Amino acid sequence: MAEIDRAITELAIESLPDEKVLALCDMQMETQQQEVFSDLLARHQKGQLNDAEVHQLDELMQVYRRGLVSKARALKVAVERGLKPALN
């Protein structure tokens, strides 16, 4: 991610109200998306995916990674604001 993109993303989370920051901390994939992701991942480990399914798994992996990064950034902001305890 480019430095400018990272700065914009961090700034956006920094500027959110407390309740939105806390919601981001608890964010999860939608249930249906999670089920598809888990199924594709399990089948990928067994070598059972076709090209379209590999592409779908790649897209879901990107969604998952972006979600993790957003959650981590939101948790950092929440700790800085005293909304959540630091993880030690």
C-alpha atoms as a PDB file:
ATOM      1  CA  MET A   1       0.000   0.000   0.000  1.00  0.00           C
ATOM      2  CA  ALA A   2       1.374   3.416  -0.900  1.00  0.00           C
ATOM      3  CA  GLU A   3       2.192   5.813   1.924  1.00  0.00           C
ATOM      4  CA  ILE A   4      -0.571   8.193   0.782  1.00  0.00           C
ATOM      5  CA  ASP A   5      -3.152   5.384   0.807  1.00  0.00           C
ATOM      6  CA  ARG A   6      -2.024   4.312   4.267  1.00  0.00           C
ATOM      7  CA  ALA A   7      -2.219   7.879   5.580  1.00  0.00           C
ATOM      8  CA  ILE A   8      -5.740   8.347   4.210  1.00  0.00           C
ATOM      9  CA  THR A   9      -6.919   5.058   5.755  1.00  0.00           C
ATOM     10  CA  GLU A  10      -5.355   5.862   9.130  1.00  0.00           C
ATOM     11  CA  LEU A  11      -6.748   9.392   9.068  1.00  0.00           C
ATOM     12  CA  ALA A  12     -10.228   8.081   8.282  1.00  0.00           C
ATOM     13  CA  ILE A  13     -10.201   5.758  11.315  1.00  0.00           C
ATOM     14  CA  GLU A  14      -8.686   8.472  13.512  1.00  0.00           C
ATOM     15  CA  SER A  15     -11.521  10.818  12.577  1.00  0.00           C
ATOM     16  CA  LEU A  16     -14.348   8.369  13.346  1.00  0.00           C
ATOM     17  CA  PRO A  17     -16.522   8.813  16.451  1.00  0.00           C
ATOM     18  CA  ASP A  18     -15.932   6.395  19.334  1.00  0.00           C
ATOM     19  CA  GLU A  19     -18.900   4.137  18.535  1.00  0.00           C
ATOM     20  CA  LYS A  20     -17.714   3.630  14.936  1.00  0.00           C
ATOM     21  CA  VAL A  21     -14.169   2.855  16.113  1.00  0.00           C
ATOM     22  CA  LEU A  22     -15.533   0.260  18.534  1.00  0.00           C
ATOM     23  CA  ALA A  23     -17.727  -1.226  15.790  1.00  0.00           C
ATOM     24  CA  LEU A  24     -14.641  -1.597  13.576  1.00  0.00           C
ATOM     25  CA  CYS A  25     -12.836  -3.363  16.432  1.00  0.00           C
ATOM     26  CA  ASP A  26     -15.583  -6.004  16.451  1.00  0.00           C
ATOM     27  CA  MET A  27     -16.058  -6.216  12.670  1.00  0.00           C
ATOM     28  CA  GLN A  28     -16.278  -9.666  11.079  1.00  0.00           C
ATOM     29  CA  MET A  29     -16.927 -11.057   7.628  1.00  0.00           C
ATOM     30  CA  GLU A  30     -20.570 -11.640   6.816  1.00  0.00           C
ATOM     31  CA  THR A  31     -21.669 -15.158   7.756  1.00  0.00           C
ATOM     32  CA  GLN A  32     -22.250 -16.282   4.157  1.00  0.00           C
ATOM     33  CA  GLN A  33     -18.918 -14.832   3.026  1.00  0.00           C
ATOM     34  CA  GLN A  34     -17.151 -16.554   5.926  1.00  0.00           C
ATOM     35  CA  GLU A  35     -18.735 -19.909   5.049  1.00  0.00           C
ATOM     36  CA  VAL A  36     -17.690 -19.635   1.395  1.00  0.00           C
ATOM     37  CA  PHE A  37     -14.199 -18.501   2.424  1.00  0.00           C
ATOM     38  CA  SER A  38     -13.781 -21.423   4.845  1.00  0.00           C
ATOM     39  CA  ASP A  39     -15.050 -23.937   2.275  1.00  0.00           C
ATOM     40  CA  LEU A  40     -12.787 -22.624  -0.478  1.00  0.00           C
ATOM     41  CA  LEU A  41      -9.791 -22.533   1.850  1.00  0.00           C
ATOM     42  CA  ALA A  42     -10.343 -26.139   2.973  1.00  0.00           C
ATOM     43  CA  ARG A  43     -10.797 -27.324  -0.607  1.00  0.00           C
ATOM     44  CA  HIS A  44      -7.725 -25.340  -1.716  1.00  0.00           C
ATOM     45  CA  GLN A  45      -5.613 -27.154   0.881  1.00  0.00           C
ATOM     46  CA  LYS A  46      -6.764 -30.429  -0.707  1.00  0.00           C
ATOM     47  CA  GLY A  47      -6.013 -29.154  -4.237  1.00  0.00           C
ATOM     48  CA  GLN A  48      -9.680 -29.293  -5.278  1.00  0.00           C
ATOM     49  CA  LEU A  49     -10.283 -25.797  -6.710  1.00  0.00           C
ATOM     50  CA  ASN A  50     -10.791 -24.831 -10.332  1.00  0.00           C
ATOM     51  CA  ASP A  51      -9.448 -21.530 -11.704  1.00  0.00           C
ATOM     52  CA  ALA A  52     -12.637 -19.581 -10.967  1.00  0.00           C
ATOM     53  CA  GLU A  53     -12.677 -20.813  -7.384  1.00  0.00           C
ATOM     54  CA  VAL A  54      -8.998 -19.918  -6.933  1.00  0.00           C
ATOM     55  CA  HIS A  55      -9.826 -16.399  -8.132  1.00  0.00           C
ATOM     56  CA  GLN A  56     -12.799 -16.213  -5.740  1.00  0.00           C
ATOM     57  CA  LEU A  57     -10.583 -17.392  -2.866  1.00  0.00           C
ATOM     58  CA  ASP A  58      -7.992 -14.720  -3.737  1.00  0.00           C
ATOM     59  CA  GLU A  59     -10.686 -12.022  -3.654  1.00  0.00           C
ATOM     60  CA  LEU A  60     -12.037 -13.227  -0.312  1.00  0.00           C
ATOM     61  CA  MET A  61      -8.491 -13.388   1.076  1.00  0.00           C
ATOM     62  CA  GLN A  62      -8.036  -9.714   0.142  1.00  0.00           C
ATOM     63  CA  VAL A  63     -11.316  -8.825   1.887  1.00  0.00           C
ATOM     64  CA  TYR A  64     -10.184 -10.774   4.955  1.00  0.00           C
ATOM     65  CA  ARG A  65      -6.759  -9.088   5.043  1.00  0.00           C
ATOM     66  CA  ARG A  66      -8.226  -5.591   4.636  1.00  0.00           C
ATOM     67  CA  GLY A  67     -10.631  -6.377   7.458  1.00  0.00           C
ATOM     68  CA  LEU A  68      -7.804  -7.482   9.730  1.00  0.00           C
ATOM     69  CA  VAL A  69      -5.826  -4.319   8.997  1.00  0.00           C
ATOM     70  CA  SER A  70      -8.880  -2.142   9.667  1.00  0.00           C
ATOM     71  CA  LYS A  71      -9.585  -3.969  12.927  1.00  0.00           C
ATOM     72  CA  ALA A  72      -5.981  -3.554  14.050  1.00  0.00           C
ATOM     73  CA  ARG A  73      -5.995   0.156  13.264  1.00  0.00           C
ATOM     74  CA  ALA A  74      -9.335   0.620  15.002  1.00  0.00           C
ATOM     75  CA  LEU A  75      -8.055  -1.229  18.059  1.00  0.00           C
ATOM     76  CA  LYS A  76      -5.012   1.061  18.157  1.00  0.00           C
ATOM     77  CA  VAL A  77      -7.274   4.125  18.063  1.00  0.00           C
ATOM     78  CA  ALA A  78      -9.614   2.628  20.681  1.00  0.00           C
ATOM     79  CA  VAL A  79      -6.699   1.978  23.043  1.00  0.00           C
ATOM     80  CA  GLU A  80      -5.324   5.489  22.468  1.00  0.00           C
ATOM     81  CA  ARG A  81      -8.750   6.942  23.330  1.00  0.00           C
ATOM     82  CA  GLY A  82      -9.098   4.757  26.416  1.00  0.00           C
ATOM     83  CA  LEU A  83     -12.084   2.896  24.944  1.00  0.00           C
ATOM     84  CA  LYS A  84     -10.374  -0.502  25.209  1.00  0.00           C
ATOM     85  CA  PRO A  85      -7.554  -1.760  27.408  1.00  0.00           C
ATOM     86  CA  ALA A  86      -4.147  -2.300  25.832  1.00  0.00           C
ATOM     87  CA  LEU A  87      -3.357  -5.880  24.839  1.00  0.00           C
ATOM     88  CA  ASN A  88      -0.310  -6.958  26.797  1.00  0.00           C
END
